[in-house]
Amino acid sequence: MPIRAVIDDHLKYIVWDEDDDFPKRLTLRRYDPAVAEVVIDPRFAWGAPIVEPARVPVDAVLSMWRAGEPADVVADECGLSLDQVNALIRVAA
């Protein structure tokens, strides 16, 4: 029974396609969905993690920041809030 609870907990992060019952997208748990909802959706960014609803690849945001751009500039360039960019940086750091 404990295994079932663990599996059920993980399955709630998957959105299923109503037409063919295949997984449609996955919400990544390590990011705070209240600040920055990060999902893997094969329709966008070739399945790389993106920030919803802007659909900006997480890698693009972090690459700009790692290149030395301040978080507020990254947020402005990517169409994200400063809180969203800071949440991504916290997970990456």
PDB file of N, CA and C in Angstrom:
ATOM      1  N   MET A   1       0.801  -1.207   0.000  1.00  0.00           N
ATOM      2  CA  MET A   1       0.000   0.000   0.000  1.00  0.00           C
ATOM      3  C   MET A   1       0.849   1.278   0.000  1.00  0.00           C
ATOM      4  N   PRO A   2       1.976   1.349   0.725  1.00  0.00           N
ATOM      5  CA  PRO A   2       2.774   2.577   0.676  1.00  0.00           C
ATOM      6  C   PRO A   2       3.302   2.892  -0.726  1.00  0.00           C
ATOM      7  N   ILE A   3       3.642   1.864  -1.498  1.00  0.00           N
ATOM      8  CA  ILE A   3       4.128   2.085  -2.862  1.00  0.00           C
ATOM      9  C   ILE A   3       3.034   2.743  -3.702  1.00  0.00           C
ATOM     10  N   ARG A   4       1.826   2.300  -3.556  1.00  0.00           N
ATOM     11  CA  ARG A   4       0.694   2.867  -4.306  1.00  0.00           C
ATOM     12  C   ARG A   4       0.549   4.359  -3.997  1.00  0.00           C
ATOM     13  N   ALA A   5       0.705   4.742  -2.744  1.00  0.00           N
ATOM     14  CA  ALA A   5       0.591   6.154  -2.364  1.00  0.00           C
ATOM     15  C   ALA A   5       1.685   6.986  -3.024  1.00  0.00           C
ATOM     16  N   VAL A   6       2.888   6.446  -3.089  1.00  0.00           N
ATOM     17  CA  VAL A   6       4.000   7.159  -3.728  1.00  0.00           C
ATOM     18  C   VAL A   6       3.728   7.320  -5.222  1.00  0.00           C
ATOM     19  N   ILE A   7       3.282   6.256  -5.853  1.00  0.00           N
ATOM     20  CA  ILE A   7       2.993   6.310  -7.288  1.00  0.00           C
ATOM     21  C   ILE A   7       1.845   7.274  -7.565  1.00  0.00           C
ATOM     22  N   ASP A   8       0.794   7.210  -6.788  1.00  0.00           N
ATOM     23  CA  ASP A   8      -0.333   8.134  -6.963  1.00  0.00           C
ATOM     24  C   ASP A   8       0.099   9.577  -6.802  1.00  0.00           C
ATOM     25  N   ASP A   9       1.008   9.834  -5.874  1.00  0.00           N
ATOM     26  CA  ASP A   9       1.511  11.193  -5.668  1.00  0.00           C
ATOM     27  C   ASP A   9       2.250  11.695  -6.905  1.00  0.00           C
ATOM     28  N   HIS A  10       3.029  10.846  -7.521  1.00  0.00           N
ATOM     29  CA  HIS A  10       3.772  11.243  -8.710  1.00  0.00           C
ATOM     30  C   HIS A  10       2.866  11.385  -9.941  1.00  0.00           C
ATOM     31  N   LEU A  11       1.853  10.552 -10.047  1.00  0.00           N
ATOM     32  CA  LEU A  11       0.972  10.594 -11.214  1.00  0.00           C
ATOM     33  C   LEU A  11       0.131  11.860 -11.284  1.00  0.00           C
ATOM     34  N   LYS A  12      -0.060  12.534 -10.180  1.00  0.00           N
ATOM     35  CA  LYS A  12      -0.887  13.739 -10.218  1.00  0.00           C
ATOM     36  C   LYS A  12      -0.217  14.891 -10.965  1.00  0.00           C
ATOM     37  N   TYR A  13       1.068  14.762 -11.277  1.00  0.00           N
ATOM     38  CA  TYR A  13       1.787  15.800 -12.015  1.00  0.00           C
ATOM     39  C   TYR A  13       1.746  15.576 -13.520  1.00  0.00           C
ATOM     40  N   ILE A  14       1.087  14.513 -13.956  1.00  0.00           N
ATOM     41  CA  ILE A  14       0.960  14.216 -15.377  1.00  0.00           C
ATOM     42  C   ILE A  14      -0.429  14.636 -15.847  1.00  0.00           C
ATOM     43  N   VAL A  15      -0.472  15.343 -16.983  1.00  0.00           N
ATOM     44  CA  VAL A  15      -1.739  15.680 -17.620  1.00  0.00           C
ATOM     45  C   VAL A  15      -1.904  14.714 -18.783  1.00  0.00           C
ATOM     46  N   TRP A  16      -3.048  14.049 -18.813  1.00  0.00           N
ATOM     47  CA  TRP A  16      -3.300  13.035 -19.824  1.00  0.00           C
ATOM     48  C   TRP A  16      -4.132  13.596 -20.961  1.00  0.00           C
ATOM     49  N   ASP A  17      -3.843  13.148 -22.174  1.00  0.00           N
ATOM     50  CA  ASP A  17      -4.617  13.541 -23.343  1.00  0.00           C
ATOM     51  C   ASP A  17      -5.960  12.818 -23.289  1.00  0.00           C
ATOM     52  N   GLU A  18      -7.034  13.542 -23.463  1.00  0.00           N
ATOM     53  CA  GLU A  18      -8.371  12.960 -23.364  1.00  0.00           C
ATOM     54  C   GLU A  18      -8.709  12.071 -24.549  1.00  0.00           C
ATOM     55  N   ASP A  19      -8.084  12.308 -25.695  1.00  0.00           N
ATOM     56  CA  ASP A  19      -8.429  11.550 -26.896  1.00  0.00           C
ATOM     57  C   ASP A  19      -7.790  10.167 -26.933  1.00  0.00           C
ATOM     58  N   ASP A  20      -6.508  10.079 -26.559  1.00  0.00           N
ATOM     59  CA  ASP A  20      -5.823   8.788 -26.710  1.00  0.00           C
ATOM     60  C   ASP A  20      -5.215   8.253 -25.415  1.00  0.00           C
ATOM     61  N   ASP A  21      -5.445   8.921 -24.300  1.00  0.00           N
ATOM     62  CA  ASP A  21      -4.973   8.479 -22.983  1.00  0.00           C
ATOM     63  C   ASP A  21      -3.449   8.366 -22.869  1.00  0.00           C
ATOM     64  N   PHE A  22      -2.725   9.123 -23.683  1.00  0.00           N
ATOM     65  CA  PHE A  22      -1.274   9.203 -23.544  1.00  0.00           C
ATOM     66  C   PHE A  22      -0.923  10.424 -22.715  1.00  0.00           C
ATOM     67  N   PRO A  23       0.223  10.402 -22.034  1.00  0.00           N
ATOM     68  CA  PRO A  23       0.635  11.595 -21.291  1.00  0.00           C
ATOM     69  C   PRO A  23       0.811  12.784 -22.233  1.00  0.00           C
ATOM     70  N   LYS A  24       0.318  13.921 -21.808  1.00  0.00           N
ATOM     71  CA  LYS A  24       0.367  15.126 -22.634  1.00  0.00           C
ATOM     72  C   LYS A  24       1.453  16.083 -22.149  1.00  0.00           C
ATOM     73  N   ARG A  25       1.600  16.195 -20.835  1.00  0.00           N
ATOM     74  CA  ARG A  25       2.627  17.067 -20.261  1.00  0.00           C
ATOM     75  C   ARG A  25       2.889  16.667 -18.828  1.00  0.00           C
ATOM     76  N   LEU A  26       4.038  17.073 -18.343  1.00  0.00           N
ATOM     77  CA  LEU A  26       4.475  16.739 -16.998  1.00  0.00           C
ATOM     78  C   LEU A  26       4.905  18.011 -16.295  1.00  0.00           C
ATOM     79  N   THR A  27       4.365  18.260 -15.122  1.00  0.00           N
ATOM     80  CA  THR A  27       4.797  19.383 -14.297  1.00  0.00           C
ATOM     81  C   THR A  27       5.973  18.924 -13.447  1.00  0.00           C
ATOM     82  N   LEU A  28       7.063  19.683 -13.487  1.00  0.00           N
ATOM     83  CA  LEU A  28       8.253  19.320 -12.726  1.00  0.00           C
ATOM     84  C   LEU A  28       8.100  19.771 -11.282  1.00  0.00           C
ATOM     85  N   ARG A  29       8.239  18.840 -10.379  1.00  0.00           N
ATOM     86  CA  ARG A  29       7.968  19.081  -8.956  1.00  0.00           C
ATOM     87  C   ARG A  29       9.013  19.938  -8.264  1.00  0.00           C
ATOM     88  N   ARG A  30      10.236  19.972  -8.766  1.00  0.00           N
ATOM     89  CA  ARG A  30      11.273  20.687  -8.025  1.00  0.00           C
ATOM     90  C   ARG A  30      11.136  22.209  -8.107  1.00  0.00           C
ATOM     91  N   TYR A  31      10.291  22.688  -9.015  1.00  0.00           N
ATOM     92  CA  TYR A  31      10.023  24.124  -9.121  1.00  0.00           C
ATOM     93  C   TYR A  31       8.720  24.431  -8.396  1.00  0.00           C
ATOM     94  N   ASP A  32       8.655  25.583  -7.762  1.00  0.00           N
ATOM     95  CA  ASP A  32       7.456  25.980  -7.023  1.00  0.00           C
ATOM     96  C   ASP A  32       6.379  26.409  -8.011  1.00  0.00           C
ATOM     97  N   PRO A  33       5.302  25.631  -8.167  1.00  0.00           N
ATOM     98  CA  PRO A  33       4.279  25.986  -9.146  1.00  0.00           C
ATOM     99  C   PRO A  33       3.529  27.276  -8.818  1.00  0.00           C
ATOM    100  N   ALA A  34       3.597  27.721  -7.580  1.00  0.00           N
ATOM    101  CA  ALA A  34       2.943  28.982  -7.223  1.00  0.00           C
ATOM    102  C   ALA A  34       3.706  30.174  -7.798  1.00  0.00           C
ATOM    103  N   VAL A  35       5.000  29.982  -8.065  1.00  0.00           N
ATOM    104  CA  VAL A  35       5.825  31.075  -8.586  1.00  0.00           C
ATOM    105  C   VAL A  35       6.116  30.865 -10.070  1.00  0.00           C
ATOM    106  N   ALA A  36       6.668  29.711 -10.406  1.00  0.00           N
ATOM    107  CA  ALA A  36       7.035  29.418 -11.793  1.00  0.00           C
ATOM    108  C   ALA A  36       6.642  27.977 -12.111  1.00  0.00           C
ATOM    109  N   GLU A  37       5.576  27.818 -12.883  1.00  0.00           N
ATOM    110  CA  GLU A  37       5.159  26.473 -13.268  1.00  0.00           C
ATOM    111  C   GLU A  37       6.043  26.020 -14.429  1.00  0.00           C
ATOM    112  N   VAL A  38       6.858  25.016 -14.173  1.00  0.00           N
ATOM    113  CA  VAL A  38       7.757  24.480 -15.193  1.00  0.00           C
ATOM    114  C   VAL A  38       7.215  23.127 -15.615  1.00  0.00           C
ATOM    115  N   VAL A  39       7.039  22.982 -16.939  1.00  0.00           N
ATOM    116  CA  VAL A  39       6.464  21.754 -17.473  1.00  0.00           C
ATOM    117  C   VAL A  39       7.318  21.224 -18.616  1.00  0.00           C
ATOM    118  N   ILE A  40       7.146  19.940 -18.876  1.00  0.00           N
ATOM    119  CA  ILE A  40       7.679  19.337 -20.086  1.00  0.00           C
ATOM    120  C   ILE A  40       6.472  19.030 -20.954  1.00  0.00           C
ATOM    121  N   ASP A  41       6.441  19.653 -22.106  1.00  0.00           N
ATOM    122  CA  ASP A  41       5.355  19.481 -23.055  1.00  0.00           C
ATOM    123  C   ASP A  41       5.992  19.276 -24.427  1.00  0.00           C
ATOM    124  N   PRO A  42       5.854  18.093 -25.003  1.00  0.00           N
ATOM    125  CA  PRO A  42       6.550  17.828 -26.265  1.00  0.00           C
ATOM    126  C   PRO A  42       6.143  18.736 -27.417  1.00  0.00           C
ATOM    127  N   ARG A  43       5.065  19.475 -27.266  1.00  0.00           N
ATOM    128  CA  ARG A  43       4.647  20.400 -28.325  1.00  0.00           C
ATOM    129  C   ARG A  43       5.498  21.664 -28.361  1.00  0.00           C
ATOM    130  N   PHE A  44       6.230  21.941 -27.287  1.00  0.00           N
ATOM    131  CA  PHE A  44       7.004  23.170 -27.195  1.00  0.00           C
ATOM    132  C   PHE A  44       8.444  22.853 -26.819  1.00  0.00           C
ATOM    133  N   ALA A  45       9.382  23.552 -27.429  1.00  0.00           N
ATOM    134  CA  ALA A  45      10.815  23.460 -27.110  1.00  0.00           C
ATOM    135  C   ALA A  45      11.336  22.029 -27.217  1.00  0.00           C
ATOM    136  N   TRP A  46      10.761  21.246 -28.106  1.00  0.00           N
ATOM    137  CA  TRP A  46      11.204  19.865 -28.346  1.00  0.00           C
ATOM    138  C   TRP A  46      11.226  19.035 -27.069  1.00  0.00           C
ATOM    139  N   GLY A  47      10.324  19.314 -26.161  1.00  0.00           N
ATOM    140  CA  GLY A  47      10.232  18.540 -24.928  1.00  0.00           C
ATOM    141  C   GLY A  47      11.147  19.002 -23.812  1.00  0.00           C
ATOM    142  N   ALA A  48      11.857  20.095 -24.009  1.00  0.00           N
ATOM    143  CA  ALA A  48      12.696  20.647 -22.937  1.00  0.00           C
ATOM    144  C   ALA A  48      11.797  21.353 -21.924  1.00  0.00           C
ATOM    145  N   PRO A  49      12.207  21.467 -20.671  1.00  0.00           N
ATOM    146  CA  PRO A  49      11.396  22.166 -19.675  1.00  0.00           C
ATOM    147  C   PRO A  49      11.177  23.622 -20.065  1.00  0.00           C
ATOM    148  N   ILE A  50       9.923  24.062 -19.928  1.00  0.00           N
ATOM    149  CA  ILE A  50       9.555  25.446 -20.233  1.00  0.00           C
ATOM    150  C   ILE A  50       8.802  26.042 -19.056  1.00  0.00           C
ATOM    151  N   VAL A  51       8.787  27.370 -18.994  1.00  0.00           N
ATOM    152  CA  VAL A  51       8.027  28.086 -17.969  1.00  0.00           C
ATOM    153  C   VAL A  51       6.684  28.463 -18.586  1.00  0.00           C
ATOM    154  N   GLU A  52       5.621  28.010 -17.951  1.00  0.00           N
ATOM    155  CA  GLU A  52       4.282  28.345 -18.410  1.00  0.00           C
ATOM    156  C   GLU A  52       3.855  29.664 -17.778  1.00  0.00           C
ATOM    157  N   PRO A  53       3.019  30.461 -18.359  1.00  0.00           N
ATOM    158  CA  PRO A  53       2.429  30.330 -19.683  1.00  0.00           C
ATOM    159  C   PRO A  53       3.275  30.973 -20.782  1.00  0.00           C
ATOM    160  N   ALA A  54       4.445  31.520 -20.453  1.00  0.00           N
ATOM    161  CA  ALA A  54       5.267  32.206 -21.451  1.00  0.00           C
ATOM    162  C   ALA A  54       5.915  31.240 -22.442  1.00  0.00           C
ATOM    163  N   ARG A  55       6.007  29.969 -22.073  1.00  0.00           N
ATOM    164  CA  ARG A  55       6.626  28.928 -22.904  1.00  0.00           C
ATOM    165  C   ARG A  55       8.083  29.239 -23.226  1.00  0.00           C
ATOM    166  N   VAL A  56       8.761  29.783 -22.254  1.00  0.00           N
ATOM    167  CA  VAL A  56      10.184  30.096 -22.378  1.00  0.00           C
ATOM    168  C   VAL A  56      10.984  28.912 -21.861  1.00  0.00           C
ATOM    169  N   PRO A  57      11.935  28.395 -22.644  1.00  0.00           N
ATOM    170  CA  PRO A  57      12.751  27.289 -22.145  1.00  0.00           C
ATOM    171  C   PRO A  57      13.554  27.688 -20.907  1.00  0.00           C
ATOM    172  N   VAL A  58      13.540  26.833 -19.915  1.00  0.00           N
ATOM    173  CA  VAL A  58      14.282  27.082 -18.679  1.00  0.00           C
ATOM    174  C   VAL A  58      15.759  27.276 -18.995  1.00  0.00           C
ATOM    175  N   ASP A  59      16.280  26.485 -19.923  1.00  0.00           N
ATOM    176  CA  ASP A  59      17.686  26.582 -20.289  1.00  0.00           C
ATOM    177  C   ASP A  59      18.039  27.960 -20.845  1.00  0.00           C
ATOM    178  N   ALA A  60      17.129  28.570 -21.596  1.00  0.00           N
ATOM    179  CA  ALA A  60      17.381  29.904 -22.146  1.00  0.00           C
ATOM    180  C   ALA A  60      17.496  30.935 -21.027  1.00  0.00           C
ATOM    181  N   VAL A  61      16.616  30.824 -20.051  1.00  0.00           N
ATOM    182  CA  VAL A  61      16.640  31.754 -18.913  1.00  0.00           C
ATOM    183  C   VAL A  61      17.945  31.601 -18.133  1.00  0.00           C
ATOM    184  N   LEU A  62      18.291  30.355 -17.829  1.00  0.00           N
ATOM    185  CA  LEU A  62      19.489  30.119 -17.023  1.00  0.00           C
ATOM    186  C   LEU A  62      20.764  30.425 -17.792  1.00  0.00           C
ATOM    187  N   SER A  63      20.759  30.216 -19.103  1.00  0.00           N
ATOM    188  CA  SER A  63      21.937  30.545 -19.903  1.00  0.00           C
ATOM    189  C   SER A  63      22.217  32.042 -19.886  1.00  0.00           C
ATOM    190  N   MET A  64      21.171  32.840 -19.985  1.00  0.00           N
ATOM    191  CA  MET A  64      21.354  34.299 -19.921  1.00  0.00           C
ATOM    192  C   MET A  64      21.912  34.702 -18.569  1.00  0.00           C
ATOM    193  N   TRP A  65      21.355  34.128 -17.515  1.00  0.00           N
ATOM    194  CA  TRP A  65      21.806  34.467 -16.163  1.00  0.00           C
ATOM    195  C   TRP A  65      23.254  34.028 -15.943  1.00  0.00           C
ATOM    196  N   ARG A  66      23.589  32.823 -16.391  1.00  0.00           N
ATOM    197  CA  ARG A  66      24.961  32.325 -16.234  1.00  0.00           C
ATOM    198  C   ARG A  66      25.960  33.138 -17.059  1.00  0.00           C
ATOM    199  N   ALA A  67      25.485  33.754 -18.134  1.00  0.00           N
ATOM    200  CA  ALA A  67      26.354  34.591 -18.969  1.00  0.00           C
ATOM    201  C   ALA A  67      26.602  35.953 -18.340  1.00  0.00           C
ATOM    202  N   GLY A  68      25.950  36.212 -17.214  1.00  0.00           N
ATOM    203  CA  GLY A  68      26.206  37.459 -16.497  1.00  0.00           C
ATOM    204  C   GLY A  68      25.091  38.486 -16.537  1.00  0.00           C
ATOM    205  N   GLU A  69      23.998  38.175 -17.182  1.00  0.00           N
ATOM    206  CA  GLU A  69      22.879  39.120 -17.209  1.00  0.00           C
ATOM    207  C   GLU A  69      22.208  39.163 -15.839  1.00  0.00           C
ATOM    208  N   PRO A  70      21.877  40.346 -15.367  1.00  0.00           N
ATOM    209  CA  PRO A  70      21.142  40.448 -14.098  1.00  0.00           C
ATOM    210  C   PRO A  70      19.752  39.819 -14.233  1.00  0.00           C
ATOM    211  N   ALA A  71      19.226  39.341 -13.123  1.00  0.00           N
ATOM    212  CA  ALA A  71      17.934  38.657 -13.132  1.00  0.00           C
ATOM    213  C   ALA A  71      16.817  39.538 -13.671  1.00  0.00           C
ATOM    214  N   ASP A  72      16.846  40.829 -13.390  1.00  0.00           N
ATOM    215  CA  ASP A  72      15.777  41.707 -13.882  1.00  0.00           C
ATOM    216  C   ASP A  72      15.830  41.866 -15.403  1.00  0.00           C
ATOM    217  N   VAL A  73      17.020  41.857 -15.975  1.00  0.00           N
ATOM    218  CA  VAL A  73      17.164  41.937 -17.433  1.00  0.00           C
ATOM    219  C   VAL A  73      16.681  40.631 -18.072  1.00  0.00           C
ATOM    220  N   VAL A  74      17.035  39.508 -17.466  1.00  0.00           N
ATOM    221  CA  VAL A  74      16.582  38.202 -17.965  1.00  0.00           C
ATOM    222  C   VAL A  74      15.050  38.147 -17.937  1.00  0.00           C
ATOM    223  N   ALA A  75      14.470  38.605 -16.848  1.00  0.00           N
ATOM    224  CA  ALA A  75      13.008  38.594 -16.720  1.00  0.00           C
ATOM    225  C   ALA A  75      12.368  39.430 -17.824  1.00  0.00           C
ATOM    226  N   ASP A  76      12.915  40.609 -18.069  1.00  0.00           N
ATOM    227  CA  ASP A  76      12.369  41.495 -19.091  1.00  0.00           C
ATOM    228  C   ASP A  76      12.510  40.889 -20.482  1.00  0.00           C
ATOM    229  N   GLU A  77      13.665  40.323 -20.783  1.00  0.00           N
ATOM    230  CA  GLU A  77      13.917  39.732 -22.095  1.00  0.00           C
ATOM    231  C   GLU A  77      13.038  38.509 -22.362  1.00  0.00           C
ATOM    232  N   CYS A  78      12.751  37.738 -21.331  1.00  0.00           N
ATOM    233  CA  CYS A  78      12.008  36.485 -21.496  1.00  0.00           C
ATOM    234  C   CYS A  78      10.514  36.626 -21.253  1.00  0.00           C
ATOM    235  N   GLY A  79      10.072  37.796 -20.838  1.00  0.00           N
ATOM    236  CA  GLY A  79       8.655  37.986 -20.566  1.00  0.00           C
ATOM    237  C   GLY A  79       8.190  37.300 -19.299  1.00  0.00           C
ATOM    238  N   LEU A  80       9.096  37.200 -18.326  1.00  0.00           N
ATOM    239  CA  LEU A  80       8.783  36.569 -17.041  1.00  0.00           C
ATOM    240  C   LEU A  80       8.847  37.615 -15.939  1.00  0.00           C
ATOM    241  N   SER A  81       8.308  37.262 -14.783  1.00  0.00           N
ATOM    242  CA  SER A  81       8.444  38.148 -13.631  1.00  0.00           C
ATOM    243  C   SER A  81       9.796  37.900 -12.972  1.00  0.00           C
ATOM    244  N   LEU A  82      10.246  38.862 -12.212  1.00  0.00           N
ATOM    245  CA  LEU A  82      11.507  38.708 -11.496  1.00  0.00           C
ATOM    246  C   LEU A  82      11.428  37.544 -10.514  1.00  0.00           C
ATOM    247  N   ASP A  83      10.272  37.349  -9.890  1.00  0.00           N
ATOM    248  CA  ASP A  83      10.086  36.208  -8.971  1.00  0.00           C
ATOM    249  C   ASP A  83      10.250  34.878  -9.700  1.00  0.00           C
ATOM    250  N   GLN A  84       9.736  34.781 -10.910  1.00  0.00           N
ATOM    251  CA  GLN A  84       9.876  33.544 -11.675  1.00  0.00           C
ATOM    252  C   GLN A  84      11.339  33.255 -11.995  1.00  0.00           C
ATOM    253  N   VAL A  85      12.064  34.270 -12.442  1.00  0.00           N
ATOM    254  CA  VAL A  85      13.477  34.087 -12.764  1.00  0.00           C
ATOM    255  C   VAL A  85      14.255  33.707 -11.514  1.00  0.00           C
ATOM    256  N   ASN A  86      13.997  34.374 -10.409  1.00  0.00           N
ATOM    257  CA  ASN A  86      14.699  34.042  -9.172  1.00  0.00           C
ATOM    258  C   ASN A  86      14.390  32.618  -8.705  1.00  0.00           C
ATOM    259  N   ALA A  87      13.161  32.155  -8.928  1.00  0.00           N
ATOM    260  CA  ALA A  87      12.810  30.774  -8.553  1.00  0.00           C
ATOM    261  C   ALA A  87      13.604  29.774  -9.393  1.00  0.00           C
ATOM    262  N   LEU A  88      13.767  30.057 -10.678  1.00  0.00           N
ATOM    263  CA  LEU A  88      14.551  29.179 -11.539  1.00  0.00           C
ATOM    264  C   LEU A  88      16.020  29.177 -11.129  1.00  0.00           C
ATOM    265  N   ILE A  89      16.530  30.339 -10.783  1.00  0.00           N
ATOM    266  CA  ILE A  89      17.935  30.455 -10.360  1.00  0.00           C
ATOM    267  C   ILE A  89      18.158  29.682  -9.060  1.00  0.00           C
ATOM    268  N   ARG A  90      17.216  29.770  -8.127  1.00  0.00           N
ATOM    269  CA  ARG A  90      17.362  29.055  -6.850  1.00  0.00           C
ATOM    270  C   ARG A  90      17.471  27.546  -7.076  1.00  0.00           C
ATOM    271  N   VAL A  91      16.681  27.013  -7.976  1.00  0.00           N
ATOM    272  CA  VAL A  91      16.731  25.574  -8.228  1.00  0.00           C
ATOM    273  C   VAL A  91      18.035  25.209  -8.924  1.00  0.00           C
ATOM    274  N   ALA A  92      18.498  26.047  -9.826  1.00  0.00           N
ATOM    275  CA  ALA A  92      19.720  25.763 -10.584  1.00  0.00           C
ATOM    276  C   ALA A  92      20.979  25.910  -9.749  1.00  0.00           C
ATOM    277  N   ALA A  93      20.919  26.763  -8.745  1.00  0.00           N
ATOM    278  CA  ALA A  93      22.135  27.047  -7.960  1.00  0.00           C
ATOM    279  C   ALA A  93      22.410  26.012  -6.909  1.00  0.00           C
TER     280      ALA A  93
END
